[in-house]
Amino acid sequence: MKQEKKQNRPPLPSVKKWGIGLGLAIVLLTIYGLSQLYSPVSNSQEIVFVDVEPNMTVRTLAVRLKNQNLIKTEKTFLLYLRFTNLDKKIRAGRFKLSPAYSLTETVDFLTEKKGSQNFLKVTIPEGYSIHEIANLLDSNNLINADDFKVYV
């Protein structure tokens, strides 16, 4: 009989160690994911107006929200919209948002009919000049006074 040479192999980690490691990784990833979805960007009570144009892509919106410090990461925003099938339900309009909102709250405002679309009623008194109308609209954050004058 031939004797087979036994090779000295290092022992493989036990299945138990792999299971614990995998379980720990899943728990940590779940905690991280939930913190991305349900914790606000900051505690600031600042109000930020966001304009969403008709046919704006969600990627463009993600960049806009990130630049205005309303979401933590563009990728998380896009993944959340994709997995919840809300990427096609973003509404056009002007929204009043805050960095104190979580990602899920921000998406709710952008998709739900109860969302905070900001409509302002502005009364322009009779006899106002173009300059006075421009200043009135500018003071209500509707349009920059100089931009309004260009359009008129």
N, C-alpha and C. Protein backbone atom coordinates (compact mmCIF):
# COMPACT_ATOMS: atom_id res chain seq x y z
N MET A 1 0.82 -1.18 0.00
CA MET A 1 0.00 0.00 0.00
C MET A 1 0.86 1.24 0.00
N LYS A 2 0.37 2.13 -0.73
CA LYS A 2 1.06 3.41 -0.77
C LYS A 2 0.56 4.26 0.38
N GLN A 3 1.48 4.85 1.00
CA GLN A 3 1.07 5.77 2.05
C GLN A 3 0.94 7.16 1.46
N GLU A 4 -0.18 7.72 1.72
CA GLU A 4 -0.39 9.08 1.23
C GLU A 4 0.22 10.05 2.21
N LYS A 5 0.89 11.02 1.64
CA LYS A 5 1.49 12.03 2.49
C LYS A 5 0.41 13.01 2.93
N LYS A 6 0.38 13.23 4.19
CA LYS A 6 -0.57 14.21 4.70
C LYS A 6 0.04 15.59 4.57
N GLN A 7 -0.73 16.45 3.96
CA GLN A 7 -0.25 17.83 3.83
C GLN A 7 -0.65 18.59 5.08
N ASN A 8 0.24 19.40 5.51
CA ASN A 8 -0.06 20.24 6.68
C ASN A 8 -0.78 21.50 6.21
N ARG A 9 -2.06 21.48 6.38
CA ARG A 9 -2.87 22.64 6.02
C ARG A 9 -3.28 23.37 7.29
N PRO A 10 -3.36 24.68 7.19
CA PRO A 10 -3.84 25.38 8.39
C PRO A 10 -5.32 25.06 8.58
N PRO A 11 -5.73 24.96 9.80
CA PRO A 11 -7.14 24.63 10.03
C PRO A 11 -8.05 25.75 9.53
N LEU A 12 -9.16 25.36 8.92
CA LEU A 12 -10.13 26.34 8.43
C LEU A 12 -10.95 26.85 9.60
N PRO A 13 -11.35 28.16 9.53
CA PRO A 13 -12.21 28.66 10.61
C PRO A 13 -13.49 27.84 10.66
N SER A 14 -13.97 27.67 11.83
CA SER A 14 -15.16 26.85 11.98
C SER A 14 -16.37 27.57 11.41
N VAL A 15 -17.36 26.78 11.11
CA VAL A 15 -18.62 27.31 10.58
C VAL A 15 -19.24 28.27 11.60
N LYS A 16 -19.06 27.97 12.86
CA LYS A 16 -19.62 28.80 13.92
C LYS A 16 -19.02 30.22 13.86
N LYS A 17 -17.71 30.32 13.67
CA LYS A 17 -17.06 31.62 13.59
C LYS A 17 -17.55 32.39 12.36
N TRP A 18 -17.69 31.70 11.25
CA TRP A 18 -18.18 32.35 10.03
C TRP A 18 -19.62 32.84 10.23
N GLY A 19 -20.43 32.03 10.87
CA GLY A 19 -21.82 32.41 11.12
C GLY A 19 -21.92 33.63 12.01
N ILE A 20 -21.11 33.68 13.06
CA ILE A 20 -21.12 34.83 13.96
C ILE A 20 -20.65 36.08 13.21
N GLY A 21 -19.59 35.93 12.44
CA GLY A 21 -19.06 37.07 11.67
C GLY A 21 -20.07 37.60 10.66
N LEU A 22 -20.72 36.69 9.96
CA LEU A 22 -21.73 37.08 8.97
C LEU A 22 -22.92 37.74 9.65
N GLY A 23 -23.36 37.17 10.75
CA GLY A 23 -24.48 37.75 11.50
C GLY A 23 -24.15 39.14 12.00
N LEU A 24 -22.94 39.34 12.51
CA LEU A 24 -22.51 40.65 12.99
C LEU A 24 -22.46 41.66 11.84
N ALA A 25 -21.96 41.23 10.70
CA ALA A 25 -21.90 42.12 9.53
C ALA A 25 -23.30 42.54 9.09
N ILE A 26 -24.24 41.62 9.09
CA ILE A 26 -25.62 41.93 8.70
C ILE A 26 -26.24 42.92 9.68
N VAL A 27 -26.01 42.71 10.98
CA VAL A 27 -26.56 43.63 11.98
C VAL A 27 -25.98 45.02 11.80
N LEU A 28 -24.66 45.13 11.61
CA LEU A 28 -24.02 46.44 11.45
C LEU A 28 -24.50 47.14 10.18
N LEU A 29 -24.63 46.42 9.09
CA LEU A 29 -25.13 47.02 7.85
C LEU A 29 -26.58 47.47 8.00
N THR A 30 -27.37 46.71 8.72
CA THR A 30 -28.76 47.09 8.95
C THR A 30 -28.84 48.37 9.78
N ILE A 31 -28.04 48.46 10.83
CA ILE A 31 -28.02 49.67 11.66
C ILE A 31 -27.57 50.86 10.83
N TYR A 32 -26.54 50.69 10.02
CA TYR A 32 -26.07 51.78 9.17
C TYR A 32 -27.16 52.22 8.18
N GLY A 33 -27.81 51.26 7.55
CA GLY A 33 -28.86 51.57 6.58
C GLY A 33 -30.02 52.31 7.22
N LEU A 34 -30.44 51.86 8.39
CA LEU A 34 -31.54 52.52 9.09
C LEU A 34 -31.16 53.93 9.51
N SER A 35 -29.90 54.11 9.92
CA SER A 35 -29.47 55.46 10.31
C SER A 35 -29.47 56.39 9.10
N GLN A 36 -29.17 55.87 7.93
CA GLN A 36 -29.21 56.69 6.71
C GLN A 36 -30.64 57.09 6.36
N LEU A 37 -31.59 56.20 6.62
CA LEU A 37 -32.98 56.47 6.24
C LEU A 37 -33.73 57.31 7.25
N TYR A 38 -33.48 57.09 8.53
CA TYR A 38 -34.34 57.67 9.55
C TYR A 38 -33.71 58.76 10.41
N SER A 39 -32.45 59.06 10.21
CA SER A 39 -31.85 60.15 10.99
C SER A 39 -31.73 61.39 10.11
N PRO A 40 -31.94 62.57 10.70
CA PRO A 40 -31.87 63.80 9.90
C PRO A 40 -30.43 64.13 9.52
N VAL A 41 -30.30 64.98 8.51
CA VAL A 41 -28.98 65.42 8.08
C VAL A 41 -28.36 66.27 9.19
N SER A 42 -29.16 67.14 9.79
CA SER A 42 -28.69 67.96 10.90
C SER A 42 -29.88 68.33 11.77
N ASN A 43 -29.60 69.00 12.87
CA ASN A 43 -30.68 69.45 13.75
C ASN A 43 -31.13 70.86 13.42
N SER A 44 -30.60 71.42 12.36
CA SER A 44 -30.94 72.78 11.94
C SER A 44 -32.42 72.87 11.59
N GLN A 45 -33.07 73.90 12.08
CA GLN A 45 -34.48 74.12 11.78
C GLN A 45 -34.64 75.04 10.57
N GLU A 46 -33.55 75.25 9.85
CA GLU A 46 -33.57 76.09 8.66
C GLU A 46 -34.59 75.56 7.65
N ILE A 47 -35.25 76.48 6.95
CA ILE A 47 -36.19 76.11 5.90
C ILE A 47 -35.51 76.36 4.55
N VAL A 48 -35.58 75.37 3.68
CA VAL A 48 -34.97 75.47 2.35
C VAL A 48 -36.05 75.23 1.31
N PHE A 49 -36.13 76.10 0.33
CA PHE A 49 -37.08 75.93 -0.77
C PHE A 49 -36.39 75.16 -1.89
N VAL A 50 -37.05 74.11 -2.35
CA VAL A 50 -36.51 73.28 -3.43
C VAL A 50 -37.49 73.29 -4.59
N ASP A 51 -37.01 73.64 -5.77
CA ASP A 51 -37.84 73.62 -6.96
C ASP A 51 -37.58 72.33 -7.72
N VAL A 52 -38.64 71.61 -7.99
CA VAL A 52 -38.57 70.37 -8.78
C VAL A 52 -39.31 70.64 -10.08
N GLU A 53 -38.55 70.69 -11.18
CA GLU A 53 -39.16 70.97 -12.48
C GLU A 53 -39.83 69.73 -13.05
N PRO A 54 -40.84 69.91 -13.88
CA PRO A 54 -41.45 68.75 -14.55
C PRO A 54 -40.39 68.01 -15.36
N ASN A 55 -40.45 66.71 -15.34
CA ASN A 55 -39.52 65.83 -16.06
C ASN A 55 -38.08 65.91 -15.57
N MET A 56 -37.87 66.45 -14.37
CA MET A 56 -36.52 66.46 -13.79
C MET A 56 -36.15 65.03 -13.42
N THR A 57 -34.93 64.61 -13.69
CA THR A 57 -34.52 63.26 -13.34
C THR A 57 -34.27 63.18 -11.84
N VAL A 58 -34.43 61.98 -11.28
CA VAL A 58 -34.20 61.82 -9.85
C VAL A 58 -32.72 62.01 -9.53
N ARG A 59 -31.85 61.72 -10.47
CA ARG A 59 -30.41 61.94 -10.26
C ARG A 59 -30.12 63.44 -10.11
N THR A 60 -30.73 64.26 -10.97
CA THR A 60 -30.56 65.71 -10.88
C THR A 60 -31.14 66.22 -9.56
N LEU A 61 -32.28 65.68 -9.17
CA LEU A 61 -32.89 66.07 -7.90
C LEU A 61 -31.99 65.67 -6.74
N ALA A 62 -31.39 64.50 -6.81
CA ALA A 62 -30.49 64.04 -5.74
C ALA A 62 -29.31 65.00 -5.58
N VAL A 63 -28.73 65.43 -6.69
CA VAL A 63 -27.62 66.39 -6.64
C VAL A 63 -28.09 67.69 -6.00
N ARG A 64 -29.24 68.17 -6.40
CA ARG A 64 -29.79 69.42 -5.85
C ARG A 64 -30.02 69.29 -4.34
N LEU A 65 -30.61 68.19 -3.91
CA LEU A 65 -30.87 68.00 -2.48
C LEU A 65 -29.58 67.89 -1.68
N LYS A 66 -28.59 67.21 -2.23
CA LYS A 66 -27.29 67.07 -1.56
C LYS A 66 -26.60 68.43 -1.46
N ASN A 67 -26.64 69.22 -2.54
CA ASN A 67 -26.01 70.54 -2.53
C ASN A 67 -26.67 71.49 -1.53
N GLN A 68 -27.96 71.26 -1.26
CA GLN A 68 -28.67 72.10 -0.30
C GLN A 68 -28.69 71.47 1.10
N ASN A 69 -27.87 70.44 1.29
CA ASN A 69 -27.71 69.78 2.58
C ASN A 69 -29.02 69.21 3.12
N LEU A 70 -29.83 68.63 2.23
CA LEU A 70 -31.11 68.06 2.62
C LEU A 70 -31.09 66.53 2.66
N ILE A 71 -30.06 65.93 2.07
CA ILE A 71 -29.85 64.48 2.16
C ILE A 71 -28.37 64.24 2.45
N LYS A 72 -28.08 63.06 3.01
CA LYS A 72 -26.69 62.75 3.35
C LYS A 72 -25.90 62.33 2.12
N THR A 73 -26.46 61.41 1.34
CA THR A 73 -25.77 60.94 0.13
C THR A 73 -26.76 60.79 -1.01
N GLU A 74 -26.29 61.08 -2.19
CA GLU A 74 -27.12 60.92 -3.39
C GLU A 74 -27.45 59.45 -3.61
N LYS A 75 -26.46 58.60 -3.42
CA LYS A 75 -26.63 57.16 -3.69
C LYS A 75 -27.73 56.55 -2.81
N THR A 76 -27.73 56.89 -1.52
CA THR A 76 -28.76 56.36 -0.62
C THR A 76 -30.14 56.84 -1.05
N PHE A 77 -30.24 58.11 -1.43
CA PHE A 77 -31.51 58.67 -1.90
C PHE A 77 -32.00 57.91 -3.13
N LEU A 78 -31.12 57.70 -4.09
CA LEU A 78 -31.49 57.01 -5.33
C LEU A 78 -31.87 55.55 -5.07
N LEU A 79 -31.10 54.87 -4.22
CA LEU A 79 -31.42 53.47 -3.90
C LEU A 79 -32.76 53.36 -3.18
N TYR A 80 -33.01 54.27 -2.24
CA TYR A 80 -34.28 54.24 -1.52
C TYR A 80 -35.46 54.43 -2.48
N LEU A 81 -35.33 55.40 -3.39
CA LEU A 81 -36.40 55.62 -4.36
C LEU A 81 -36.62 54.40 -5.24
N ARG A 82 -35.53 53.78 -5.67
CA ARG A 82 -35.63 52.61 -6.55
C ARG A 82 -36.30 51.43 -5.85
N PHE A 83 -35.84 51.13 -4.62
CA PHE A 83 -36.36 49.96 -3.91
C PHE A 83 -37.80 50.14 -3.42
N THR A 84 -38.23 51.38 -3.27
CA THR A 84 -39.61 51.62 -2.82
C THR A 84 -40.52 51.98 -3.98
N ASN A 85 -39.98 51.94 -5.19
CA ASN A 85 -40.73 52.28 -6.41
C ASN A 85 -41.32 53.70 -6.36
N LEU A 86 -40.61 54.60 -5.70
CA LEU A 86 -41.07 55.99 -5.62
C LEU A 86 -40.36 56.90 -6.61
N ASP A 87 -39.42 56.35 -7.36
CA ASP A 87 -38.66 57.17 -8.29
C ASP A 87 -39.53 57.78 -9.39
N LYS A 88 -40.66 57.20 -9.69
CA LYS A 88 -41.56 57.73 -10.71
C LYS A 88 -42.68 58.59 -10.10
N LYS A 89 -42.68 58.73 -8.78
CA LYS A 89 -43.78 59.44 -8.12
C LYS A 89 -43.38 60.81 -7.57
N ILE A 90 -42.18 61.27 -7.90
CA ILE A 90 -41.75 62.60 -7.46
C ILE A 90 -42.60 63.63 -8.19
N ARG A 91 -43.13 64.59 -7.44
CA ARG A 91 -43.99 65.62 -8.03
C ARG A 91 -43.20 66.88 -8.34
N ALA A 92 -43.62 67.58 -9.37
CA ALA A 92 -43.02 68.86 -9.70
C ALA A 92 -43.62 69.92 -8.79
N GLY A 93 -42.86 70.96 -8.53
CA GLY A 93 -43.36 72.07 -7.72
C GLY A 93 -42.28 72.65 -6.86
N ARG A 94 -42.67 73.55 -6.00
CA ARG A 94 -41.76 74.17 -5.03
C ARG A 94 -42.08 73.58 -3.67
N PHE A 95 -41.06 73.07 -3.01
CA PHE A 95 -41.24 72.39 -1.73
C PHE A 95 -40.45 73.10 -0.64
N LYS A 96 -41.03 73.11 0.53
CA LYS A 96 -40.44 73.72 1.71
C LYS A 96 -39.89 72.57 2.56
N LEU A 97 -38.56 72.41 2.58
CA LEU A 97 -37.93 71.28 3.26
C LEU A 97 -36.95 71.78 4.31
N SER A 98 -36.44 70.84 5.10
CA SER A 98 -35.50 71.19 6.16
C SER A 98 -34.45 70.10 6.32
N PRO A 99 -33.21 70.47 6.68
CA PRO A 99 -32.18 69.46 6.99
C PRO A 99 -32.55 68.63 8.22
N ALA A 100 -33.53 69.09 9.00
CA ALA A 100 -33.98 68.34 10.18
C ALA A 100 -34.87 67.16 9.81
N TYR A 101 -35.23 67.03 8.53
CA TYR A 101 -36.04 65.90 8.07
C TYR A 101 -35.13 64.71 7.77
N SER A 102 -35.64 63.51 8.04
CA SER A 102 -34.92 62.30 7.63
C SER A 102 -35.12 62.10 6.13
N LEU A 103 -34.39 61.17 5.57
CA LEU A 103 -34.52 60.88 4.14
C LEU A 103 -35.95 60.43 3.81
N THR A 104 -36.53 59.60 4.67
CA THR A 104 -37.89 59.12 4.40
C THR A 104 -38.90 60.26 4.48
N GLU A 105 -38.71 61.19 5.40
CA GLU A 105 -39.62 62.34 5.50
C GLU A 105 -39.50 63.24 4.27
N THR A 106 -38.26 63.46 3.82
CA THR A 106 -38.03 64.28 2.64
C THR A 106 -38.72 63.66 1.43
N VAL A 107 -38.57 62.34 1.26
CA VAL A 107 -39.21 61.65 0.13
C VAL A 107 -40.73 61.73 0.25
N ASP A 108 -41.25 61.61 1.46
CA ASP A 108 -42.70 61.74 1.66
C ASP A 108 -43.20 63.10 1.17
N PHE A 109 -42.48 64.16 1.51
CA PHE A 109 -42.90 65.50 1.08
C PHE A 109 -42.88 65.62 -0.45
N LEU A 110 -41.92 64.96 -1.08
CA LEU A 110 -41.76 65.07 -2.54
C LEU A 110 -42.73 64.18 -3.31
N THR A 111 -43.31 63.17 -2.65
CA THR A 111 -44.15 62.21 -3.37
C THR A 111 -45.61 62.22 -2.96
N GLU A 112 -45.92 62.55 -1.74
CA GLU A 112 -47.29 62.47 -1.25
C GLU A 112 -48.08 63.74 -1.56
N LYS A 113 -49.36 63.58 -1.77
CA LYS A 113 -50.21 64.74 -2.04
C LYS A 113 -50.27 65.68 -0.85
N LYS A 114 -50.05 65.14 0.35
CA LYS A 114 -50.03 65.99 1.53
C LYS A 114 -48.69 66.72 1.67
N GLY A 115 -47.80 66.48 0.73
CA GLY A 115 -46.47 67.08 0.78
C GLY A 115 -46.52 68.59 0.86
N SER A 116 -45.46 69.13 1.35
CA SER A 116 -45.41 70.56 1.62
C SER A 116 -45.06 71.35 0.37
N GLN A 117 -45.96 71.38 -0.56
CA GLN A 117 -45.76 72.28 -1.68
C GLN A 117 -46.04 73.66 -1.17
N ASN A 118 -45.20 74.58 -1.54
CA ASN A 118 -45.32 75.92 -0.99
C ASN A 118 -45.95 76.84 -2.01
N PHE A 119 -47.19 77.21 -1.74
CA PHE A 119 -47.88 78.16 -2.59
C PHE A 119 -48.05 79.45 -1.81
N LEU A 120 -47.72 80.54 -2.42
CA LEU A 120 -47.88 81.83 -1.77
C LEU A 120 -48.91 82.66 -2.51
N LYS A 121 -49.74 83.32 -1.76
CA LYS A 121 -50.68 84.23 -2.36
C LYS A 121 -50.07 85.63 -2.21
N VAL A 122 -49.91 86.28 -3.33
CA VAL A 122 -49.33 87.62 -3.31
C VAL A 122 -50.33 88.57 -3.96
N THR A 123 -50.64 89.62 -3.24
CA THR A 123 -51.53 90.65 -3.77
C THR A 123 -50.68 91.84 -4.20
N ILE A 124 -50.82 92.20 -5.46
CA ILE A 124 -50.08 93.35 -5.98
C ILE A 124 -51.04 94.54 -6.00
N PRO A 125 -50.77 95.49 -5.14
CA PRO A 125 -51.66 96.66 -5.08
C PRO A 125 -51.71 97.42 -6.41
N GLU A 126 -52.87 97.95 -6.67
CA GLU A 126 -53.06 98.73 -7.89
C GLU A 126 -52.10 99.92 -7.89
N GLY A 127 -51.51 100.15 -9.04
CA GLY A 127 -50.62 101.30 -9.18
C GLY A 127 -49.16 101.01 -8.88
N TYR A 128 -48.82 99.77 -8.49
CA TYR A 128 -47.41 99.45 -8.23
C TYR A 128 -46.62 99.53 -9.52
N SER A 129 -45.41 100.04 -9.42
CA SER A 129 -44.51 100.08 -10.57
C SER A 129 -43.83 98.72 -10.72
N ILE A 130 -43.17 98.52 -11.86
CA ILE A 130 -42.43 97.27 -12.10
C ILE A 130 -41.40 97.07 -10.99
N HIS A 131 -40.73 98.13 -10.59
CA HIS A 131 -39.70 98.06 -9.55
C HIS A 131 -40.33 97.62 -8.22
N GLU A 132 -41.49 98.14 -7.86
CA GLU A 132 -42.16 97.79 -6.61
C GLU A 132 -42.66 96.34 -6.65
N ILE A 133 -43.18 95.93 -7.82
CA ILE A 133 -43.64 94.53 -7.96
C ILE A 133 -42.45 93.58 -7.83
N ALA A 134 -41.33 93.94 -8.47
CA ALA A 134 -40.13 93.11 -8.40
C ALA A 134 -39.67 92.95 -6.94
N ASN A 135 -39.66 94.03 -6.19
CA ASN A 135 -39.25 93.97 -4.78
C ASN A 135 -40.23 93.15 -3.95
N LEU A 136 -41.53 93.27 -4.24
CA LEU A 136 -42.55 92.51 -3.52
C LEU A 136 -42.35 91.00 -3.75
N LEU A 137 -42.14 90.60 -5.02
CA LEU A 137 -41.95 89.19 -5.35
C LEU A 137 -40.64 88.67 -4.75
N ASP A 138 -39.61 89.50 -4.77
CA ASP A 138 -38.31 89.13 -4.20
C ASP A 138 -38.43 88.93 -2.69
N SER A 139 -39.16 89.80 -2.01
CA SER A 139 -39.30 89.69 -0.55
C SER A 139 -40.09 88.44 -0.15
N ASN A 140 -40.89 87.89 -1.06
CA ASN A 140 -41.63 86.65 -0.81
C ASN A 140 -40.91 85.41 -1.35
N ASN A 141 -39.64 85.60 -1.75
CA ASN A 141 -38.80 84.50 -2.26
C ASN A 141 -39.40 83.81 -3.48
N LEU A 142 -40.11 84.55 -4.30
CA LEU A 142 -40.69 83.97 -5.51
C LEU A 142 -39.75 84.08 -6.70
N ILE A 143 -39.09 85.22 -6.82
CA ILE A 143 -38.16 85.43 -7.91
C ILE A 143 -37.24 86.58 -7.51
N ASN A 144 -36.03 86.50 -7.95
CA ASN A 144 -35.08 87.58 -7.71
C ASN A 144 -35.57 88.83 -8.43
N ALA A 145 -35.51 89.98 -7.79
CA ALA A 145 -36.02 91.23 -8.35
C ALA A 145 -35.39 91.55 -9.71
N ASP A 146 -34.07 91.34 -9.81
CA ASP A 146 -33.38 91.64 -11.08
C ASP A 146 -33.82 90.68 -12.19
N ASP A 147 -34.01 89.40 -11.83
CA ASP A 147 -34.48 88.43 -12.82
C ASP A 147 -35.88 88.80 -13.30
N PHE A 148 -36.73 89.21 -12.37
CA PHE A 148 -38.09 89.60 -12.74
C PHE A 148 -38.06 90.75 -13.73
N LYS A 149 -37.21 91.74 -13.49
CA LYS A 149 -37.12 92.91 -14.37
C LYS A 149 -36.65 92.52 -15.77
N VAL A 150 -35.79 91.50 -15.84
CA VAL A 150 -35.32 91.02 -17.15
C VAL A 150 -36.49 90.42 -17.93
N TYR A 151 -37.34 89.63 -17.25
CA TYR A 151 -38.46 88.99 -17.91
C TYR A 151 -39.54 89.99 -18.32
N VAL A 152 -39.67 91.07 -17.58
CA VAL A 152 -40.71 92.07 -17.88
C VAL A 152 -40.11 93.00 -18.85
